[in-house]
Amino acid sequence: MEKIIDDILKRLVSKPKSVVVKQIERDGINVIQVSVDPEDRGRAIGKNGRMAKALRVIIQSISMHEGDSRTTLEIVE
């Protein structure tokens, strides 16, 4: 799942080498943490949060398919 999100974000941003995607567990929930260059944060979030919302839908679809419905996305600074 991390690889898919990483690939998508690297194609969206202007500085793909600064994209960092890692998965952690917090309170029984899998959290995909995404970090991008500050200049690319707007591209990662998207207009009105549409890109972040789309990434969350992708994550939820994959996690439901894998049988784990408790996964979310977090964009960190």
N, C-alpha and C. Protein backbone atom coordinates (compact mmCIF):
# COMPACT_ATOMS: atom_id res chain seq x y z
N MET A 1 0.83 -1.19 0.00
CA MET A 1 0.00 0.00 0.00
C MET A 1 0.88 1.26 0.00
N GLU A 2 1.96 1.22 0.77
CA GLU A 2 2.86 2.36 0.82
C GLU A 2 3.45 2.65 -0.57
N LYS A 3 3.77 1.59 -1.29
CA LYS A 3 4.38 1.74 -2.62
C LYS A 3 3.42 2.44 -3.58
N ILE A 4 2.16 2.10 -3.53
CA ILE A 4 1.17 2.72 -4.42
C ILE A 4 1.04 4.21 -4.14
N ILE A 5 0.91 4.57 -2.86
CA ILE A 5 0.79 5.98 -2.48
C ILE A 5 2.07 6.73 -2.85
N ASP A 6 3.22 6.10 -2.63
CA ASP A 6 4.51 6.70 -2.97
C ASP A 6 4.58 6.99 -4.47
N ASP A 7 4.20 6.01 -5.28
CA ASP A 7 4.24 6.18 -6.74
C ASP A 7 3.31 7.30 -7.20
N ILE A 8 2.12 7.36 -6.64
CA ILE A 8 1.16 8.40 -7.03
C ILE A 8 1.70 9.78 -6.68
N LEU A 9 2.18 9.94 -5.46
CA LEU A 9 2.67 11.25 -5.02
C LEU A 9 3.90 11.70 -5.79
N LYS A 10 4.80 10.77 -6.08
CA LYS A 10 6.01 11.14 -6.82
C LYS A 10 5.69 11.65 -8.22
N ARG A 11 4.58 11.24 -8.78
CA ARG A 11 4.17 11.72 -10.10
C ARG A 11 3.46 13.07 -10.03
N LEU A 12 2.98 13.42 -8.84
CA LEU A 12 2.24 14.67 -8.68
C LEU A 12 3.12 15.86 -8.33
N VAL A 13 4.16 15.63 -7.55
CA VAL A 13 4.95 16.73 -7.00
C VAL A 13 6.10 17.11 -7.92
N SER A 14 6.65 18.29 -7.68
CA SER A 14 7.78 18.75 -8.50
C SER A 14 9.12 18.24 -7.95
N LYS A 15 9.15 17.83 -6.69
CA LYS A 15 10.38 17.30 -6.08
C LYS A 15 10.10 15.88 -5.56
N PRO A 16 10.10 14.89 -6.46
CA PRO A 16 9.73 13.53 -6.05
C PRO A 16 10.70 12.89 -5.05
N LYS A 17 11.95 13.34 -5.01
CA LYS A 17 12.91 12.75 -4.07
C LYS A 17 12.60 13.11 -2.62
N SER A 18 11.77 14.13 -2.42
CA SER A 18 11.45 14.54 -1.05
C SER A 18 10.23 13.81 -0.48
N VAL A 19 9.60 12.97 -1.28
CA VAL A 19 8.42 12.22 -0.82
C VAL A 19 8.85 11.09 0.10
N VAL A 20 8.24 11.06 1.30
CA VAL A 20 8.51 10.00 2.27
C VAL A 20 7.16 9.44 2.72
N VAL A 21 6.99 8.14 2.55
CA VAL A 21 5.75 7.47 2.95
C VAL A 21 6.12 6.36 3.92
N LYS A 22 5.50 6.38 5.09
CA LYS A 22 5.75 5.30 6.04
C LYS A 22 4.45 4.93 6.74
N GLN A 23 4.41 3.69 7.20
CA GLN A 23 3.21 3.18 7.86
C GLN A 23 3.53 2.94 9.32
N ILE A 24 2.66 3.45 10.19
CA ILE A 24 2.80 3.24 11.63
C ILE A 24 1.46 2.74 12.16
N GLU A 25 1.47 2.26 13.38
CA GLU A 25 0.22 1.86 14.02
C GLU A 25 0.01 2.75 15.23
N ARG A 26 -1.18 3.32 15.33
CA ARG A 26 -1.53 4.20 16.43
C ARG A 26 -2.92 3.83 16.93
N ASP A 27 -3.01 3.40 18.18
CA ASP A 27 -4.29 3.03 18.80
C ASP A 27 -5.05 1.99 17.99
N GLY A 28 -4.35 1.02 17.43
CA GLY A 28 -4.99 -0.04 16.68
C GLY A 28 -5.37 0.33 15.25
N ILE A 29 -4.98 1.51 14.82
CA ILE A 29 -5.29 1.99 13.47
C ILE A 29 -3.99 2.11 12.68
N ASN A 30 -3.97 1.56 11.48
CA ASN A 30 -2.81 1.74 10.61
C ASN A 30 -2.87 3.15 10.02
N VAL A 31 -1.78 3.88 10.16
CA VAL A 31 -1.72 5.25 9.66
C VAL A 31 -0.61 5.32 8.62
N ILE A 32 -0.97 5.75 7.42
CA ILE A 32 0.01 5.99 6.37
C ILE A 32 0.40 7.46 6.48
N GLN A 33 1.64 7.72 6.89
CA GLN A 33 2.11 9.09 7.02
C GLN A 33 2.86 9.49 5.76
N VAL A 34 2.51 10.66 5.23
CA VAL A 34 3.10 11.16 4.01
C VAL A 34 3.76 12.50 4.30
N SER A 35 4.99 12.63 3.85
CA SER A 35 5.71 13.88 3.99
C SER A 35 6.24 14.29 2.62
N VAL A 36 6.03 15.55 2.24
CA VAL A 36 6.52 16.07 0.98
C VAL A 36 7.23 17.40 1.24
N ASP A 37 7.91 17.91 0.24
CA ASP A 37 8.55 19.21 0.34
C ASP A 37 7.49 20.27 0.62
N PRO A 38 7.80 21.27 1.45
CA PRO A 38 6.79 22.30 1.75
C PRO A 38 6.20 22.98 0.51
N GLU A 39 6.99 23.11 -0.55
CA GLU A 39 6.49 23.72 -1.78
C GLU A 39 5.45 22.83 -2.48
N ASP A 40 5.51 21.53 -2.23
CA ASP A 40 4.61 20.57 -2.89
C ASP A 40 3.42 20.17 -2.03
N ARG A 41 3.33 20.70 -0.83
CA ARG A 41 2.25 20.30 0.07
C ARG A 41 0.88 20.58 -0.54
N GLY A 42 0.75 21.71 -1.23
CA GLY A 42 -0.51 22.04 -1.88
C GLY A 42 -0.89 21.04 -2.95
N ARG A 43 0.08 20.53 -3.66
CA ARG A 43 -0.20 19.52 -4.69
C ARG A 43 -0.62 18.20 -4.06
N ALA A 44 -0.01 17.86 -2.91
CA ALA A 44 -0.35 16.61 -2.24
C ALA A 44 -1.75 16.67 -1.63
N ILE A 45 -2.14 17.85 -1.17
CA ILE A 45 -3.47 18.00 -0.57
C ILE A 45 -4.52 18.24 -1.64
N GLY A 46 -4.19 19.04 -2.63
CA GLY A 46 -5.12 19.31 -3.72
C GLY A 46 -6.08 20.44 -3.40
N LYS A 47 -6.74 20.90 -4.42
CA LYS A 47 -7.71 21.97 -4.25
C LYS A 47 -8.89 21.48 -3.42
N ASN A 48 -9.17 22.20 -2.35
CA ASN A 48 -10.23 21.83 -1.40
C ASN A 48 -10.04 20.43 -0.82
N GLY A 49 -8.79 19.95 -0.78
CA GLY A 49 -8.49 18.65 -0.20
C GLY A 49 -8.87 17.47 -1.06
N ARG A 50 -9.10 17.70 -2.34
CA ARG A 50 -9.57 16.62 -3.22
C ARG A 50 -8.53 15.51 -3.40
N MET A 51 -7.27 15.88 -3.53
CA MET A 51 -6.24 14.86 -3.73
C MET A 51 -6.08 14.02 -2.46
N ALA A 52 -6.06 14.65 -1.31
CA ALA A 52 -5.95 13.91 -0.05
C ALA A 52 -7.15 12.98 0.12
N LYS A 53 -8.31 13.46 -0.24
CA LYS A 53 -9.52 12.65 -0.14
C LYS A 53 -9.44 11.45 -1.10
N ALA A 54 -8.94 11.67 -2.30
CA ALA A 54 -8.80 10.59 -3.28
C ALA A 54 -7.79 9.55 -2.80
N LEU A 55 -6.69 10.00 -2.20
CA LEU A 55 -5.70 9.08 -1.66
C LEU A 55 -6.29 8.26 -0.52
N ARG A 56 -7.13 8.89 0.30
CA ARG A 56 -7.79 8.17 1.40
C ARG A 56 -8.73 7.10 0.86
N VAL A 57 -9.44 7.41 -0.23
CA VAL A 57 -10.33 6.42 -0.84
C VAL A 57 -9.53 5.23 -1.37
N ILE A 58 -8.39 5.50 -1.99
CA ILE A 58 -7.53 4.42 -2.49
C ILE A 58 -7.05 3.55 -1.33
N ILE A 59 -6.60 4.20 -0.26
CA ILE A 59 -6.12 3.46 0.91
C ILE A 59 -7.23 2.61 1.51
N GLN A 60 -8.42 3.18 1.64
CA GLN A 60 -9.54 2.43 2.20
C GLN A 60 -9.92 1.24 1.31
N SER A 61 -9.89 1.43 0.01
CA SER A 61 -10.22 0.34 -0.91
C SER A 61 -9.23 -0.80 -0.79
N ILE A 62 -7.95 -0.47 -0.75
CA ILE A 62 -6.92 -1.50 -0.63
C ILE A 62 -7.04 -2.21 0.71
N SER A 63 -7.22 -1.45 1.77
CA SER A 63 -7.28 -2.07 3.10
C SER A 63 -8.53 -2.95 3.26
N MET A 64 -9.64 -2.55 2.66
CA MET A 64 -10.84 -3.38 2.71
C MET A 64 -10.61 -4.69 1.94
N HIS A 65 -9.92 -4.59 0.82
CA HIS A 65 -9.61 -5.77 0.02
C HIS A 65 -8.70 -6.73 0.79
N GLU A 66 -7.79 -6.16 1.58
CA GLU A 66 -6.86 -6.97 2.37
C GLU A 66 -7.48 -7.43 3.69
N GLY A 67 -8.69 -6.97 3.99
CA GLY A 67 -9.37 -7.40 5.21
C GLY A 67 -9.07 -6.55 6.42
N ASP A 68 -8.44 -5.39 6.23
CA ASP A 68 -8.13 -4.49 7.34
C ASP A 68 -8.79 -3.15 7.07
N SER A 69 -9.88 -2.86 7.75
CA SER A 69 -10.64 -1.66 7.44
C SER A 69 -10.22 -0.45 8.26
N ARG A 70 -9.20 -0.56 9.09
CA ARG A 70 -8.82 0.54 9.96
C ARG A 70 -7.50 1.14 9.50
N THR A 71 -7.52 1.83 8.37
CA THR A 71 -6.33 2.48 7.82
C THR A 71 -6.70 3.88 7.39
N THR A 72 -5.81 4.83 7.63
CA THR A 72 -6.07 6.22 7.25
C THR A 72 -4.79 6.86 6.74
N LEU A 73 -4.93 8.05 6.17
CA LEU A 73 -3.81 8.81 5.62
C LEU A 73 -3.60 10.06 6.46
N GLU A 74 -2.34 10.40 6.67
CA GLU A 74 -1.99 11.61 7.41
C GLU A 74 -0.87 12.32 6.67
N ILE A 75 -1.08 13.58 6.32
CA ILE A 75 -0.05 14.37 5.65
C ILE A 75 0.63 15.20 6.74
N VAL A 76 1.93 14.94 6.93
CA VAL A 76 2.69 15.59 8.00
C VAL A 76 3.65 16.62 7.41
N GLU A 77 4.05 17.54 8.27
CA GLU A 77 4.98 18.59 7.84
C GLU A 77 6.40 18.14 7.92
